[in-house]
C-alpha atoms as a PDB file:
ATOM      1  CA  UNK A   1     -23.140 -11.156   2.622  1.00  0.00           C
ATOM      2  CA  UNK A   2     -21.492 -10.093   5.978  1.00  0.00           C
ATOM      3  CA  UNK A   3     -18.820  -7.552   6.016  1.00  0.00           C
ATOM      4  CA  UNK A   4     -15.434  -8.879   6.905  1.00  0.00           C
ATOM      5  CA  UNK A   5     -13.786  -6.843   9.516  1.00  0.00           C
ATOM      6  CA  UNK A   6     -10.217  -6.230   8.195  1.00  0.00           C
ATOM      7  CA  UNK A   7      -7.809  -3.620   9.611  1.00  0.00           C
ATOM      8  CA  UNK A   8      -6.808  -0.847   7.305  1.00  0.00           C
ATOM      9  CA  UNK A   9      -3.893   1.610   8.082  1.00  0.00           C
ATOM     10  CA  UNK A  10      -1.283   4.025   6.717  1.00  0.00           C
ATOM     11  CA  UNK A  11       2.246   3.345   7.607  1.00  0.00           C
ATOM     12  CA  UNK A  12       4.502   6.584   7.643  1.00  0.00           C
ATOM     13  CA  UNK A  13       8.179   6.161   6.954  1.00  0.00           C
ATOM     14  CA  UNK A  14      11.547   7.271   5.418  1.00  0.00           C
ATOM     15  CA  UNK A  15      13.351   5.220   2.712  1.00  0.00           C
ATOM     16  CA  UNK A  16      15.604   5.699  -0.235  1.00  0.00           C
ATOM     17  CA  UNK A  17      12.812   5.978  -2.817  1.00  0.00           C
ATOM     18  CA  UNK A  18      14.800   5.203  -5.868  1.00  0.00           C
ATOM     19  CA  UNK A  19      15.403   1.558  -4.515  1.00  0.00           C
ATOM     20  CA  UNK A  20      11.807   0.912  -3.101  1.00  0.00           C
ATOM     21  CA  UNK A  21      10.349  -0.722  -6.337  1.00  0.00           C
ATOM     22  CA  UNK A  22      13.402  -3.084  -6.792  1.00  0.00           C
ATOM     23  CA  UNK A  23      13.204  -4.225  -3.107  1.00  0.00           C
ATOM     24  CA  UNK A  24       9.352  -4.859  -3.429  1.00  0.00           C
ATOM     25  CA  UNK A  25       9.929  -7.017  -6.334  1.00  0.00           C
ATOM     26  CA  UNK A  26      13.020  -8.689  -4.927  1.00  0.00           C
ATOM     27  CA  UNK A  27      11.401  -9.655  -1.781  1.00  0.00           C
ATOM     28  CA  UNK A  28       8.246 -10.885  -3.262  1.00  0.00           C
ATOM     29  CA  UNK A  29       6.025  -9.035  -0.879  1.00  0.00           C
ATOM     30  CA  UNK A  30       2.931 -10.202  -2.562  1.00  0.00           C
ATOM     31  CA  UNK A  31       3.750 -13.755  -2.140  1.00  0.00           C
ATOM     32  CA  UNK A  32       5.146 -13.439   1.350  1.00  0.00           C
ATOM     33  CA  UNK A  33       1.934 -11.975   2.779  1.00  0.00           C
ATOM     34  CA  UNK A  34      -0.627 -14.331   1.635  1.00  0.00           C
ATOM     35  CA  UNK A  35      -4.060 -13.565   3.023  1.00  0.00           C
ATOM     36  CA  UNK A  36      -2.634 -11.984   6.224  1.00  0.00           C
ATOM     37  CA  UNK A  37      -1.986  -8.537   4.643  1.00  0.00           C
ATOM     38  CA  UNK A  38      -1.729  -6.585   1.536  1.00  0.00           C
ATOM     39  CA  UNK A  39       0.837  -3.774   0.974  1.00  0.00           C
ATOM     40  CA  UNK A  40      -1.651  -1.845  -1.260  1.00  0.00           C
ATOM     41  CA  UNK A  41       0.873   0.799  -2.711  1.00  0.00           C
ATOM     42  CA  UNK A  42       3.555   3.161  -1.712  1.00  0.00           C
ATOM     43  CA  UNK A  43       2.925   6.689  -2.114  1.00  0.00           C
ATOM     44  CA  UNK A  44       6.115   8.982  -2.281  1.00  0.00           C
ATOM     45  CA  UNK A  45       5.419  12.223  -0.795  1.00  0.00           C
ATOM     46  CA  UNK A  46       7.376  15.308   0.263  1.00  0.00           C
ATOM     47  CA  UNK A  47       7.240  15.889   4.022  1.00  0.00           C
ATOM     48  CA  UNK A  48       9.805  17.028   6.647  1.00  0.00           C
ATOM     49  CA  UNK A  49       9.391  13.883   8.683  1.00  0.00           C
ATOM     50  CA  UNK A  50       8.527  11.078   6.168  1.00  0.00           C
ATOM     51  CA  UNK A  51       8.779  10.410   2.309  1.00  0.00           C
ATOM     52  CA  UNK A  52       6.535   7.363   1.956  1.00  0.00           C
ATOM     53  CA  UNK A  53       2.962   6.577   3.049  1.00  0.00           C
ATOM     54  CA  UNK A  54       2.004   2.923   2.677  1.00  0.00           C
ATOM     55  CA  UNK A  55      -1.579   1.896   2.947  1.00  0.00           C
ATOM     56  CA  UNK A  56      -2.038  -1.642   4.272  1.00  0.00           C
ATOM     57  CA  UNK A  57      -5.094  -3.974   4.318  1.00  0.00           C
ATOM     58  CA  UNK A  58      -4.729  -6.695   7.065  1.00  0.00           C
ATOM     59  CA  UNK A  59      -6.638  -9.688   8.127  1.00  0.00           C
ATOM     60  CA  UNK A  60      -6.488  -8.505  11.663  1.00  0.00           C
ATOM     61  CA  UNK A  61      -4.140  -6.604  14.191  1.00  0.00           C
ATOM     62  CA  UNK A  62      -1.705  -9.452  14.149  1.00  0.00           C
ATOM     63  CA  UNK A  63      -1.632  -9.147  10.174  1.00  0.00           C
ATOM     64  CA  UNK A  64      -1.073  -5.421  10.618  1.00  0.00           C
ATOM     65  CA  UNK A  65       1.755  -5.968  13.018  1.00  0.00           C
ATOM     66  CA  UNK A  66       3.348  -8.492  10.488  1.00  0.00           C
ATOM     67  CA  UNK A  67       2.977  -6.063   7.632  1.00  0.00           C
ATOM     68  CA  UNK A  68       4.848  -3.285   9.703  1.00  0.00           C
ATOM     69  CA  UNK A  69       7.558  -5.752  10.430  1.00  0.00           C
ATOM     70  CA  UNK A  70       7.872  -6.807   6.638  1.00  0.00           C
ATOM     71  CA  UNK A  71       7.821  -3.066   5.627  1.00  0.00           C
ATOM     72  CA  UNK A  72      10.650  -2.362   8.034  1.00  0.00           C
ATOM     73  CA  UNK A  73      12.833  -5.460   7.492  1.00  0.00           C
ATOM     74  CA  UNK A  74      12.341  -6.117   3.873  1.00  0.00           C
ATOM     75  CA  UNK A  75      11.556  -2.804   2.263  1.00  0.00           C
ATOM     76  CA  UNK A  76      14.039  -0.988   4.619  1.00  0.00           C
ATOM     77  CA  UNK A  77      11.572   1.603   5.428  1.00  0.00           C
ATOM     78  CA  UNK A  78      12.283   3.290   8.848  1.00  0.00           C
ATOM     79  CA  UNK A  79       8.870   3.826  10.461  1.00  0.00           C
ATOM     80  CA  UNK A  80       8.650   7.513  11.735  1.00  0.00           C
ATOM     81  CA  UNK A  81       5.219   7.656  12.882  1.00  0.00           C
ATOM     82  CA  UNK A  82       2.736   5.589  14.639  1.00  0.00           C
ATOM     83  CA  UNK A  83       0.470   3.674  12.066  1.00  0.00           C
ATOM     84  CA  UNK A  84      -2.843   5.522  11.634  1.00  0.00           C
ATOM     85  CA  UNK A  85      -5.581   2.854  11.745  1.00  0.00           C
ATOM     86  CA  UNK A  86      -8.827   3.597   9.598  1.00  0.00           C
ATOM     87  CA  UNK A  87     -11.568   3.645  12.230  1.00  0.00           C
ATOM     88  CA  UNK A  88     -14.705   5.070  10.361  1.00  0.00           C
ATOM     89  CA  UNK A  89     -14.525   3.163   7.031  1.00  0.00           C
ATOM     90  CA  UNK A  90     -12.835   3.417   3.718  1.00  0.00           C
ATOM     91  CA  UNK A  91     -15.552   4.251   1.232  1.00  0.00           C
ATOM     92  CA  UNK A  92     -15.317   7.694  -0.436  1.00  0.00           C
ATOM     93  CA  UNK A  93     -18.409  10.016   0.163  1.00  0.00           C
ATOM     94  CA  UNK A  94     -19.819  10.664  -2.292  1.00  0.00           C
ATOM     95  CA  UNK A  95     -18.961   7.366  -3.973  1.00  0.00           C
ATOM     96  CA  UNK A  96     -17.168   7.150  -7.225  1.00  0.00           C
ATOM     97  CA  UNK A  97     -16.464   4.409  -9.702  1.00  0.00           C
ATOM     98  CA  UNK A  98     -12.638   4.235  -9.573  1.00  0.00           C
ATOM     99  CA  UNK A  99     -10.550   2.838  -6.765  1.00  0.00           C
ATOM    100  CA  UNK A 100      -7.593   4.517  -8.117  1.00  0.00           C
ATOM    101  CA  UNK A 101      -6.047   6.641 -10.869  1.00  0.00           C
ATOM    102  CA  UNK A 102      -2.834   5.924 -12.716  1.00  0.00           C
ATOM    103  CA  UNK A 103      -1.029   8.664 -14.385  1.00  0.00           C
ATOM    104  CA  UNK A 104       0.996   8.468 -17.599  1.00  0.00           C
ATOM    105  CA  UNK A 105       4.190   8.859 -15.543  1.00  0.00           C
ATOM    106  CA  UNK A 106       3.151   6.063 -13.104  1.00  0.00           C
ATOM    107  CA  UNK A 107       2.357   3.907 -16.004  1.00  0.00           C
ATOM    108  CA  UNK A 108       5.678   4.156 -17.467  1.00  0.00           C
ATOM    109  CA  UNK A 109       7.257   2.753 -14.114  1.00  0.00           C
ATOM    110  CA  UNK A 110       4.556   0.223 -13.361  1.00  0.00           C
ATOM    111  CA  UNK A 111       2.809  -2.767 -14.872  1.00  0.00           C
ATOM    112  CA  UNK A 112       2.756  -2.401 -18.812  1.00  0.00           C
ATOM    113  CA  UNK A 113      -0.718  -3.844 -18.856  1.00  0.00           C
ATOM    114  CA  UNK A 114      -2.120  -1.495 -16.407  1.00  0.00           C
ATOM    115  CA  UNK A 115      -4.611   1.102 -17.870  1.00  0.00           C
ATOM    116  CA  UNK A 116      -3.973   4.802 -17.700  1.00  0.00           C
ATOM    117  CA  UNK A 117      -6.719   6.891 -15.831  1.00  0.00           C
ATOM    118  CA  UNK A 118      -9.389   5.425 -13.484  1.00  0.00           C
ATOM    119  CA  UNK A 119      -8.672   1.913 -12.293  1.00  0.00           C
ATOM    120  CA  UNK A 120     -11.776  -0.052 -11.169  1.00  0.00           C
ATOM    121  CA  UNK A 121      -9.816  -2.612  -9.089  1.00  0.00           C
ATOM    122  CA  UNK A 122      -9.916  -4.018  -5.606  1.00  0.00           C
ATOM    123  CA  UNK A 123      -7.919  -2.177  -2.846  1.00  0.00           C
ATOM    124  CA  UNK A 124      -5.372  -5.016  -2.919  1.00  0.00           C
ATOM    125  CA  UNK A 125      -4.481  -4.716  -6.500  1.00  0.00           C
ATOM    126  CA  UNK A 126      -0.929  -3.310  -7.047  1.00  0.00           C
ATOM    127  CA  UNK A 127       0.662  -2.505 -10.419  1.00  0.00           C
ATOM    128  CA  UNK A 128       4.123  -3.599  -8.760  1.00  0.00           C
ATOM    129  CA  UNK A 129       2.948  -6.934  -7.643  1.00  0.00           C
END
């Protein structure tokens, strides 16, 4: 099975975080993107220059550009840093069985059917989608 060369990146931005989940659901980001890109999740962080980090998995460079446009226009995120593209790969070393971890607090605000703890799902799975 050949490896598909997709473009993976992080988008750093500023946004009103209390309204982000509602915008994501209202704009139907999952349906809008098709197979061109996946907005994997949005990590809310504390930093002087930005307050969200958004991992994106795109089909190609054009898909990444479209994702950045959607993040800017639909989610109203102001991009404050150049997108950081993954160049060396995305597998952890050493490898582990979970692709993510959902805390009890995150579970309360996300998909009620999502498990708490390690989540062995694909990178495109999103509890908000």
